[in-house]
Amino acid sequence: MATLYKISGCDDWAAARAAGVFVGAPVDLADGFIHFSTATQVAETAAKHFAGRDDLVLVALAAEPFGDRLRWEPSRGGALFPHLYGSFDPAAALRVDPLPLGPDGRHVFPELLP
């Protein structure tokens, strides 16, 4: 099972849970797809796009149920990143973990699923 990761603001995730649908963060809506990362990409994503933020959660999701709505497209340096064209039910999350900042200012990740 391939696992995808979405970094989300706590408030955005709480709102999505209450609504029963995650449509994406403002950057996702602007780009027309939900940005995901793999286990090997997510720390760099956090450092590049969420530096200094301590109001985050890390959402883990199985890739397979998204079917052909999930596309692997080139991004940073040509690396393929998973992009979801559409929304998803927050209840599909395998787990949701806080993503705190460590003493060095970098995010502290839980053990990641592959």
C-alpha atoms as a PDB file:
ATOM      1  CA  MET A   1       0.000   0.000   0.000  1.00  0.00           C
ATOM      2  CA  ALA A   2       1.404   3.382  -0.998  1.00  0.00           C
ATOM      3  CA  THR A   3       0.872   6.108   1.592  1.00  0.00           C
ATOM      4  CA  LEU A   4       0.368   9.767   0.734  1.00  0.00           C
ATOM      5  CA  TYR A   5       0.872  12.650   3.141  1.00  0.00           C
ATOM      6  CA  LYS A   6      -0.935  15.968   3.338  1.00  0.00           C
ATOM      7  CA  ILE A   7       0.286  18.723   5.638  1.00  0.00           C
ATOM      8  CA  SER A   8      -2.660  20.791   6.748  1.00  0.00           C
ATOM      9  CA  GLY A   9      -3.326  23.635   9.122  1.00  0.00           C
ATOM     10  CA  CYS A  10      -5.182  22.417  12.212  1.00  0.00           C
ATOM     11  CA  ASP A  11      -8.076  24.798  11.547  1.00  0.00           C
ATOM     12  CA  ASP A  12      -8.391  23.718   7.898  1.00  0.00           C
ATOM     13  CA  TRP A  13      -8.394  20.052   8.916  1.00  0.00           C
ATOM     14  CA  ALA A  14     -10.988  20.651  11.647  1.00  0.00           C
ATOM     15  CA  ALA A  15     -13.216  22.476   9.150  1.00  0.00           C
ATOM     16  CA  ALA A  16     -12.852  19.640   6.629  1.00  0.00           C
ATOM     17  CA  ARG A  17     -13.778  17.065   9.265  1.00  0.00           C
ATOM     18  CA  ALA A  18     -16.840  19.069  10.249  1.00  0.00           C
ATOM     19  CA  ALA A  19     -17.904  19.414   6.594  1.00  0.00           C
ATOM     20  CA  GLY A  20     -17.086  15.796   5.731  1.00  0.00           C
ATOM     21  CA  VAL A  21     -14.929  16.843   2.780  1.00  0.00           C
ATOM     22  CA  PHE A  22     -11.394  18.156   2.270  1.00  0.00           C
ATOM     23  CA  VAL A  23     -11.264  20.353  -0.816  1.00  0.00           C
ATOM     24  CA  GLY A  24      -7.720  21.597  -0.219  1.00  0.00           C
ATOM     25  CA  ALA A  25      -5.841  24.536   1.193  1.00  0.00           C
ATOM     26  CA  PRO A  26      -5.805  27.886  -0.649  1.00  0.00           C
ATOM     27  CA  VAL A  27      -2.694  26.832  -2.630  1.00  0.00           C
ATOM     28  CA  ASP A  28      -4.451  23.612  -3.678  1.00  0.00           C
ATOM     29  CA  LEU A  29      -7.542  25.497  -4.812  1.00  0.00           C
ATOM     30  CA  ALA A  30      -5.388  27.951  -6.768  1.00  0.00           C
ATOM     31  CA  ASP A  31      -3.467  25.130  -8.486  1.00  0.00           C
ATOM     32  CA  GLY A  32      -6.550  23.020  -9.226  1.00  0.00           C
ATOM     33  CA  PHE A  33      -5.395  19.931  -7.306  1.00  0.00           C
ATOM     34  CA  ILE A  34      -4.508  18.800  -3.802  1.00  0.00           C
ATOM     35  CA  HIS A  35      -0.774  18.603  -3.223  1.00  0.00           C
ATOM     36  CA  PHE A  36       0.441  15.420  -1.528  1.00  0.00           C
ATOM     37  CA  SER A  37       3.915  14.139  -0.682  1.00  0.00           C
ATOM     38  CA  THR A  38       5.382  10.698  -0.201  1.00  0.00           C
ATOM     39  CA  ALA A  39       7.210   9.627   2.951  1.00  0.00           C
ATOM     40  CA  THR A  40      10.532  10.540   1.319  1.00  0.00           C
ATOM     41  CA  GLN A  41       9.281  13.969   0.197  1.00  0.00           C
ATOM     42  CA  VAL A  42       7.230  15.239   3.127  1.00  0.00           C
ATOM     43  CA  ALA A  43      10.040  16.613   5.327  1.00  0.00           C
ATOM     44  CA  GLU A  44      11.310  18.750   2.441  1.00  0.00           C
ATOM     45  CA  THR A  45       7.741  19.892   1.741  1.00  0.00           C
ATOM     46  CA  ALA A  46       7.352  20.950   5.381  1.00  0.00           C
ATOM     47  CA  ALA A  47      10.665  22.833   5.372  1.00  0.00           C
ATOM     48  CA  LYS A  48       9.972  24.565   2.069  1.00  0.00           C
ATOM     49  CA  HIS A  49       6.299  25.473   2.422  1.00  0.00           C
ATOM     50  CA  PHE A  50       5.505  25.373   6.160  1.00  0.00           C
ATOM     51  CA  ALA A  51       8.684  26.632   7.868  1.00  0.00           C
ATOM     52  CA  GLY A  52       8.045  27.979  11.353  1.00  0.00           C
ATOM     53  CA  ARG A  53       4.384  26.948  11.479  1.00  0.00           C
ATOM     54  CA  ASP A  54       3.402  25.130  14.641  1.00  0.00           C
ATOM     55  CA  ASP A  55      -0.321  24.793  13.869  1.00  0.00           C
ATOM     56  CA  LEU A  56      -0.101  21.766  11.576  1.00  0.00           C
ATOM     57  CA  VAL A  57      -1.223  18.174  11.313  1.00  0.00           C
ATOM     58  CA  LEU A  58       0.174  15.432   9.123  1.00  0.00           C
ATOM     59  CA  VAL A  59      -2.550  13.405   7.420  1.00  0.00           C
ATOM     60  CA  ALA A  60      -1.697   9.935   6.074  1.00  0.00           C
ATOM     61  CA  LEU A  61      -3.888   8.461   3.328  1.00  0.00           C
ATOM     62  CA  ALA A  62      -3.812   5.331   1.179  1.00  0.00           C
ATOM     63  CA  ALA A  63      -3.139   6.160  -2.476  1.00  0.00           C
ATOM     64  CA  GLU A  64      -5.060   3.308  -4.100  1.00  0.00           C
ATOM     65  CA  PRO A  65      -8.643   4.444  -3.393  1.00  0.00           C
ATOM     66  CA  PHE A  66      -8.071   7.674  -5.339  1.00  0.00           C
ATOM     67  CA  GLY A  67      -7.722   5.736  -8.606  1.00  0.00           C
ATOM     68  CA  ASP A  68      -7.215   7.834 -11.707  1.00  0.00           C
ATOM     69  CA  ARG A  69      -7.934  11.081  -9.826  1.00  0.00           C
ATOM     70  CA  LEU A  70      -4.371  10.740  -8.469  1.00  0.00           C
ATOM     71  CA  ARG A  71      -1.633  11.755 -10.884  1.00  0.00           C
ATOM     72  CA  TRP A  72       2.124  11.666 -10.393  1.00  0.00           C
ATOM     73  CA  GLU A  73       3.480  14.859 -11.897  1.00  0.00           C
ATOM     74  CA  PRO A  74       6.927  16.481 -12.020  1.00  0.00           C
ATOM     75  CA  SER A  75       7.666  19.187  -9.514  1.00  0.00           C
ATOM     76  CA  ARG A  76      10.874  20.145  -7.673  1.00  0.00           C
ATOM     77  CA  GLY A  77      13.848  19.177  -9.764  1.00  0.00           C
ATOM     78  CA  GLY A  78      11.717  16.821 -11.851  1.00  0.00           C
ATOM     79  CA  ALA A  79      10.682  14.622  -8.914  1.00  0.00           C
ATOM     80  CA  LEU A  80       7.222  13.112  -9.309  1.00  0.00           C
ATOM     81  CA  PHE A  81       4.734  14.311  -6.700  1.00  0.00           C
ATOM     82  CA  PRO A  82       1.234  12.947  -6.136  1.00  0.00           C
ATOM     83  CA  HIS A  83      -1.553  15.378  -7.023  1.00  0.00           C
ATOM     84  CA  LEU A  84      -5.220  14.648  -6.388  1.00  0.00           C
ATOM     85  CA  TYR A  85      -7.701  16.119  -8.825  1.00  0.00           C
ATOM     86  CA  GLY A  86     -10.750  16.307  -6.607  1.00  0.00           C
ATOM     87  CA  SER A  87     -11.629  16.257  -2.937  1.00  0.00           C
ATOM     88  CA  PHE A  88     -11.638  13.488  -0.347  1.00  0.00           C
ATOM     89  CA  ASP A  89     -13.489  12.458   2.787  1.00  0.00           C
ATOM     90  CA  PRO A  90     -11.379  13.194   5.885  1.00  0.00           C
ATOM     91  CA  ALA A  91     -12.671   9.917   7.357  1.00  0.00           C
ATOM     92  CA  ALA A  92     -10.417   8.164   4.818  1.00  0.00           C
ATOM     93  CA  ALA A  93      -7.317   9.249   6.767  1.00  0.00           C
ATOM     94  CA  LEU A  94      -5.245   6.324   7.999  1.00  0.00           C
ATOM     95  CA  ARG A  95      -4.034   8.572  10.783  1.00  0.00           C
ATOM     96  CA  VAL A  96      -3.643  12.238  11.663  1.00  0.00           C
ATOM     97  CA  ASP A  97      -0.667  13.320  13.748  1.00  0.00           C
ATOM     98  CA  PRO A  98       0.356  16.701  15.145  1.00  0.00           C
ATOM     99  CA  LEU A  99       3.375  18.188  13.377  1.00  0.00           C
ATOM    100  CA  PRO A 100       5.153  20.211  16.072  1.00  0.00           C
ATOM    101  CA  LEU A 101       8.335  22.199  15.764  1.00  0.00           C
ATOM    102  CA  GLY A 102      11.437  20.855  17.464  1.00  0.00           C
ATOM    103  CA  PRO A 103      14.019  22.929  19.352  1.00  0.00           C
ATOM    104  CA  ASP A 104      15.902  23.450  16.078  1.00  0.00           C
ATOM    105  CA  GLY A 105      12.798  24.975  14.424  1.00  0.00           C
ATOM    106  CA  ARG A 106      12.256  22.012  12.097  1.00  0.00           C
ATOM    107  CA  HIS A 107       9.126  19.899  12.181  1.00  0.00           C
ATOM    108  CA  VAL A 108       9.196  16.695  14.218  1.00  0.00           C
ATOM    109  CA  PHE A 109       7.648  13.845  12.262  1.00  0.00           C
ATOM    110  CA  PRO A 110       6.041  10.703  13.611  1.00  0.00           C
ATOM    111  CA  GLU A 111       7.154   7.365  12.207  1.00  0.00           C
ATOM    112  CA  LEU A 112       6.029   7.445   8.590  1.00  0.00           C
ATOM    113  CA  LEU A 113       4.273   4.673   6.721  1.00  0.00           C
ATOM    114  CA  PRO A 114       5.923   3.768   3.400  1.00  0.00           C
END
